């Protein structure tokens, strides 16, 4: 039963690692692996001497950290709120509705966000009518707002989907603990804080470690679709940098070097935070 998955993993996850060799060559497709000149660490040296790389790294880690913090907090909070709802039909309806944004394309989500934040959009209309703003502003043309816009958009899209595992973990909590707490006079808030959260703490830690491993792998779709020339400096992330300045300029070896850097950082982060979790006695991956 495991064999198909193992084959898929080998074909799509491990065999492509052979291509990492081109990061150490001046690779040209017409020359192939064996005909391209070997240059050692040249492309990595070029990468670390490139100022744009550090800008992309800062933006990636910044937006990745914001997404990790607020995404995790929103998913846990939403799961706790749903767990407290006693009307089963309303709870199921709310769960179903909350999952839907996850299946909506980022093309659609970006268009909704851009239209909502336009000077004539609903957000400006509400803020002006409430006298919070004197006149409409173009949020999408404000570089200082870009990270926040990306984070809020991502949280709105993924909160419902991210809460699924936490909700599943909550269903396994022994209900007798809640009954004992109610007998002792604990209210709903105290039950949630002293029973629900400690019970799902190992799941939270494991998911947090997995998310930290992907801190630098945030993709580029959100930044590409929500960005524009005015906020380009804040929208540049590692994967977009690799696309534009690697593959886009036919610098295949340079783009591969960026990919290796990302993989090394991800693995390092996973081992560091897994080690911290192991030392503190919390949930761990290994």
Protein backbone atom coordinates (compact mmCIF):
# COMPACT_ATOMS: atom_id res chain seq x y z
CA UNK A 1 0.00 0.00 0.00
CA UNK A 2 2.90 2.34 0.70
CA UNK A 3 4.70 1.53 -2.55
CA UNK A 4 2.86 4.06 -4.84
CA UNK A 5 3.61 6.88 -2.40
CA UNK A 6 7.27 5.83 -2.13
CA UNK A 7 7.57 5.78 -5.92
CA UNK A 8 5.93 9.21 -6.17
CA UNK A 9 8.31 10.56 -3.51
CA UNK A 10 11.37 9.18 -5.27
CA UNK A 11 10.34 10.45 -8.71
CA UNK A 12 9.21 13.94 -7.74
CA UNK A 13 11.19 14.69 -4.56
CA UNK A 14 14.50 12.82 -4.66
CA UNK A 15 15.44 12.18 -8.29
CA UNK A 16 15.25 15.94 -9.12
CA UNK A 17 18.00 16.53 -6.52
CA UNK A 18 20.44 15.28 -9.15
CA UNK A 19 19.81 18.60 -10.89
CA UNK A 20 21.48 20.43 -8.00
CA UNK A 21 24.79 19.71 -9.70
CA UNK A 22 24.15 22.55 -12.16
CA UNK A 23 24.49 25.05 -9.28
CA UNK A 24 28.20 24.27 -9.40
CA UNK A 25 28.47 24.64 -13.17
CA UNK A 26 27.98 27.33 -15.80
CA UNK A 27 25.14 25.24 -17.10
CA UNK A 28 23.99 25.53 -20.70
CA UNK A 29 21.12 23.33 -21.89
CA UNK A 30 22.86 22.55 -25.17
CA UNK A 31 25.92 21.25 -23.32
CA UNK A 32 24.07 19.19 -20.73
CA UNK A 33 25.34 18.11 -17.30
CA UNK A 34 28.56 16.62 -18.60
CA UNK A 35 29.46 19.31 -21.12
CA UNK A 36 29.00 22.39 -18.92
CA UNK A 37 31.98 24.04 -17.28
CA UNK A 38 32.50 23.30 -13.59
CA UNK A 39 32.82 26.55 -11.56
CA UNK A 40 32.48 25.34 -7.96
CA UNK A 41 30.96 27.89 -5.53
CA UNK A 42 30.98 30.80 -7.99
CA UNK A 43 27.20 31.19 -8.14
CA UNK A 44 26.83 31.04 -4.36
CA UNK A 45 29.48 33.76 -4.00
CA UNK A 46 27.64 35.87 -6.58
CA UNK A 47 24.39 35.28 -4.71
CA UNK A 48 25.75 36.44 -1.36
CA UNK A 49 27.36 39.49 -2.97
CA UNK A 50 24.11 40.60 -4.60
CA UNK A 51 22.28 43.40 -2.65
CA UNK A 52 18.91 42.44 -4.17
CA UNK A 53 19.25 38.98 -2.62
CA UNK A 54 19.31 40.44 0.89
CA UNK A 55 16.29 42.61 0.13
CA UNK A 56 14.42 39.55 -1.11
CA UNK A 57 15.53 37.56 1.95
CA UNK A 58 14.35 40.31 4.32
CA UNK A 59 10.96 40.51 2.61
CA UNK A 60 10.59 36.72 2.58
CA UNK A 61 11.42 36.30 6.27
CA UNK A 62 9.30 39.33 7.20
CA UNK A 63 6.15 38.23 5.39
CA UNK A 64 6.78 34.60 6.32
CA UNK A 65 7.05 35.46 10.02
CA UNK A 66 3.92 37.60 9.96
CA UNK A 67 2.02 34.86 8.15
CA UNK A 68 3.26 32.24 10.62
CA UNK A 69 2.38 34.25 13.73
CA UNK A 70 -1.00 35.60 12.70
CA UNK A 71 -1.93 32.50 10.68
CA UNK A 72 -1.29 30.20 13.64
CA UNK A 73 -3.03 32.48 16.14
CA UNK A 74 -6.07 32.97 13.92
CA UNK A 75 -6.44 29.23 13.21
CA UNK A 76 -6.17 28.29 16.89
CA UNK A 77 -8.56 31.08 17.95
CA UNK A 78 -11.09 30.15 15.28
CA UNK A 79 -10.91 26.47 16.27
CA UNK A 80 -11.45 27.38 19.94
CA UNK A 81 -14.48 29.52 19.06
CA UNK A 82 -16.00 26.78 16.89
CA UNK A 83 -15.38 24.22 19.62
CA UNK A 84 -17.46 26.34 22.02
CA UNK A 85 -20.48 26.52 19.71
CA UNK A 86 -23.21 24.21 20.95
CA UNK A 87 -25.63 24.55 18.00
CA UNK A 88 -24.46 21.68 15.78
CA UNK A 89 -26.04 22.85 12.52
CA UNK A 90 -24.72 26.39 12.88
CA UNK A 91 -21.27 25.00 13.76
CA UNK A 92 -21.16 22.78 10.66
CA UNK A 93 -22.38 25.61 8.43
CA UNK A 94 -19.72 27.96 9.82
CA UNK A 95 -17.01 25.34 9.32
CA UNK A 96 -18.04 24.76 5.72
CA UNK A 97 -18.13 28.46 4.90
CA UNK A 98 -14.73 29.01 6.52
CA UNK A 99 -13.13 26.34 4.31
CA UNK A 100 -14.29 27.89 1.03
CA UNK A 101 -11.66 30.68 0.70
CA UNK A 102 -8.90 28.04 0.74
CA UNK A 103 -10.19 26.67 -2.57
CA UNK A 104 -10.43 30.09 -4.21
CA UNK A 105 -7.60 30.92 -6.59
CA UNK A 106 -5.15 33.64 -5.54
CA UNK A 107 -6.00 35.35 -8.83
CA UNK A 108 -9.58 35.82 -7.61
CA UNK A 109 -8.54 36.72 -4.05
CA UNK A 110 -6.01 39.31 -5.28
CA UNK A 111 -8.64 40.91 -7.50
CA UNK A 112 -11.08 41.13 -4.56
CA UNK A 113 -8.40 42.69 -2.34
CA UNK A 114 -7.29 45.21 -4.97
CA UNK A 115 -10.88 46.28 -5.71
CA UNK A 116 -11.74 46.53 -2.00
CA UNK A 117 -8.67 48.66 -1.21
CA UNK A 118 -8.95 50.93 -4.26
CA UNK A 119 -9.69 54.66 -3.61
CA UNK A 120 -13.30 54.02 -4.65
CA UNK A 121 -13.46 50.62 -2.91
CA UNK A 122 -15.56 49.53 0.04
CA UNK A 123 -12.78 49.93 2.63
CA UNK A 124 -12.14 53.58 1.76
CA UNK A 125 -15.88 54.26 1.61
CA UNK A 126 -16.39 52.88 5.12
CA UNK A 127 -13.37 54.70 6.59
CA UNK A 128 -14.38 58.03 5.03
CA UNK A 129 -18.01 57.66 6.19
CA UNK A 130 -16.80 56.93 9.72
CA UNK A 131 -14.54 60.02 9.57
CA UNK A 132 -11.46 57.88 10.14
CA UNK A 133 -10.04 59.19 6.86
CA UNK A 134 -10.53 62.68 5.47
CA UNK A 135 -10.17 61.46 1.90
CA UNK A 136 -9.66 58.08 0.21
CA UNK A 137 -6.16 56.71 -0.16
CA UNK A 138 -4.75 54.08 -2.48
CA UNK A 139 -3.64 51.36 -0.08
CA UNK A 140 -2.09 49.30 -2.86
CA UNK A 141 0.30 52.16 -3.67
CA UNK A 142 1.65 52.41 -0.10
CA UNK A 143 4.84 50.32 0.32
CA UNK A 144 4.53 50.41 4.12
CA UNK A 145 1.15 48.67 3.95
CA UNK A 146 2.13 45.87 1.58
CA UNK A 147 3.29 43.28 4.13
CA UNK A 148 0.14 43.86 6.17
CA UNK A 149 -2.12 43.51 3.13
CA UNK A 150 -0.46 40.23 2.13
CA UNK A 151 -0.69 38.89 5.70
CA UNK A 152 -4.36 39.81 6.18
CA UNK A 153 -5.27 38.35 2.78
CA UNK A 154 -3.47 35.11 3.58
CA UNK A 155 -5.05 34.85 7.04
CA UNK A 156 -8.54 35.40 5.60
CA UNK A 157 -7.93 32.74 2.96
CA UNK A 158 -6.38 30.03 5.14
CA UNK A 159 -7.77 30.42 8.68
CA UNK A 160 -10.71 28.04 8.22
CA UNK A 161 -8.56 25.41 6.53
CA UNK A 162 -5.81 25.71 9.13
CA UNK A 163 -8.29 25.18 11.97
CA UNK A 164 -9.24 21.67 10.79
CA UNK A 165 -6.43 19.82 12.56
CA UNK A 166 -6.92 21.78 15.78
CA UNK A 167 -10.64 20.97 15.74
CA UNK A 168 -9.84 17.30 15.16
CA UNK A 169 -7.46 17.34 18.13
CA UNK A 170 -10.13 18.94 20.34
CA UNK A 171 -12.61 16.14 19.59
CA UNK A 172 -10.22 13.64 21.22
CA UNK A 173 -10.19 15.48 24.57
CA UNK A 174 -11.82 13.47 27.36
CA UNK A 175 -15.18 15.10 28.08
CA UNK A 176 -15.00 13.98 31.72
CA UNK A 177 -12.35 16.64 32.32
CA UNK A 178 -14.84 19.33 31.29
CA UNK A 179 -17.51 17.81 33.52
CA UNK A 180 -15.10 17.77 36.48
CA UNK A 181 -14.13 21.38 35.79
CA UNK A 182 -17.80 22.46 35.70
CA UNK A 183 -18.40 20.71 39.02
CA UNK A 184 -15.49 22.71 40.45
CA UNK A 185 -17.12 25.92 39.19
CA UNK A 186 -14.95 26.62 36.13
CA UNK A 187 -16.59 28.79 33.49
CA UNK A 188 -16.25 28.30 29.71
CA UNK A 189 -13.21 30.56 29.49
CA UNK A 190 -11.41 28.75 32.31
CA UNK A 191 -12.19 25.36 30.73
CA UNK A 192 -10.82 26.51 27.41
CA UNK A 193 -7.65 27.96 28.96
CA UNK A 194 -6.89 25.13 31.40
CA UNK A 195 -8.17 22.07 29.51
CA UNK A 196 -8.55 22.66 25.77
CA UNK A 197 -5.34 24.57 25.07
CA UNK A 198 -3.02 22.33 27.18
CA UNK A 199 -4.57 19.23 25.56
CA UNK A 200 -3.80 20.37 22.01
CA UNK A 201 -0.38 21.87 22.85
CA UNK A 202 1.61 18.96 21.31
CA UNK A 203 -0.32 19.36 18.02
CA UNK A 204 0.32 23.11 18.06
CA UNK A 205 4.06 22.56 18.56
CA UNK A 206 4.33 19.97 15.78
CA UNK A 207 2.42 22.13 13.29
CA UNK A 208 4.45 25.15 14.33
CA UNK A 209 7.73 23.31 13.65
CA UNK A 210 6.46 22.23 10.23
CA UNK A 211 5.39 25.80 9.45
CA UNK A 212 8.74 27.20 10.57
CA UNK A 213 10.41 24.84 8.11
CA UNK A 214 8.43 26.56 5.36
CA UNK A 215 9.16 30.05 6.64
CA UNK A 216 11.31 30.83 3.61
CA UNK A 217 9.08 28.91 1.18
CA UNK A 218 6.16 31.33 1.08
CA UNK A 219 5.83 31.21 -2.71
CA UNK A 220 5.50 34.28 -4.87
CA UNK A 221 1.89 34.19 -6.11
CA UNK A 222 0.54 36.61 -3.49
CA UNK A 223 3.38 39.07 -4.00
CA UNK A 224 3.18 38.85 -7.79
CA UNK A 225 -0.60 39.35 -7.96
CA UNK A 226 -0.90 42.01 -5.25
CA UNK A 227 2.29 43.87 -6.13
CA UNK A 228 2.89 46.69 -8.58
CA UNK A 229 5.79 48.90 -9.64
CA UNK A 230 5.33 51.25 -6.68
CA UNK A 231 5.65 48.50 -4.04
CA UNK A 232 8.08 46.33 -6.03
CA UNK A 233 10.86 46.67 -3.44
CA UNK A 234 8.58 45.32 -0.68
CA UNK A 235 7.07 42.61 -2.91
CA UNK A 236 10.36 41.01 -3.97
CA UNK A 237 10.73 37.58 -2.32
CA UNK A 238 13.24 34.76 -2.77
CA UNK A 239 11.19 32.73 -5.24
CA UNK A 240 10.35 35.76 -7.37
CA UNK A 241 14.01 36.77 -7.25
CA UNK A 242 14.98 33.28 -8.48
CA UNK A 243 12.37 33.48 -11.23
CA UNK A 244 13.30 36.98 -12.43
CA UNK A 245 17.08 36.93 -12.01
CA UNK A 246 17.67 33.21 -12.49
CA UNK A 247 15.37 31.42 -14.91
CA UNK A 248 14.05 34.66 -16.41
CA UNK A 249 17.57 35.67 -17.44
CA UNK A 250 18.53 32.10 -18.47
CA UNK A 251 20.89 31.88 -15.46
CA UNK A 252 19.86 28.32 -14.61
CA UNK A 253 22.85 27.69 -12.36
CA UNK A 254 22.20 30.88 -10.38
CA UNK A 255 18.52 29.98 -9.93
CA UNK A 256 19.47 26.49 -8.74
CA UNK A 257 21.89 27.99 -6.20
CA UNK A 258 19.01 30.02 -4.78
CA UNK A 259 16.91 26.85 -4.52
CA UNK A 260 19.68 25.03 -2.64
CA UNK A 261 20.02 27.96 -0.26
CA UNK A 262 16.28 27.82 0.49
CA UNK A 263 16.38 24.07 1.14
CA UNK A 264 19.36 24.33 3.48
CA UNK A 265 17.70 27.14 5.46
CA UNK A 266 14.42 25.20 5.74
CA UNK A 267 16.12 22.02 6.98
CA UNK A 268 18.23 24.01 9.45
CA UNK A 269 15.18 25.76 10.88
CA UNK A 270 13.32 22.47 11.30
CA UNK A 271 16.23 20.85 13.17
CA UNK A 272 16.77 23.90 15.40
CA UNK A 273 13.17 24.27 16.50
CA UNK A 274 12.63 20.52 16.75
CA UNK A 275 15.64 20.38 19.07
CA UNK A 276 14.19 23.22 21.17
CA UNK A 277 10.85 21.38 21.41
CA UNK A 278 12.65 18.18 22.41
CA UNK A 279 14.59 19.95 25.15
CA UNK A 280 11.45 21.55 26.59
CA UNK A 281 9.58 18.23 26.51
CA UNK A 282 6.89 19.48 24.11
CA UNK A 283 5.68 17.90 20.85
CA UNK A 284 8.39 17.12 18.29
CA UNK A 285 8.81 15.73 14.79
CA UNK A 286 11.76 13.42 15.46
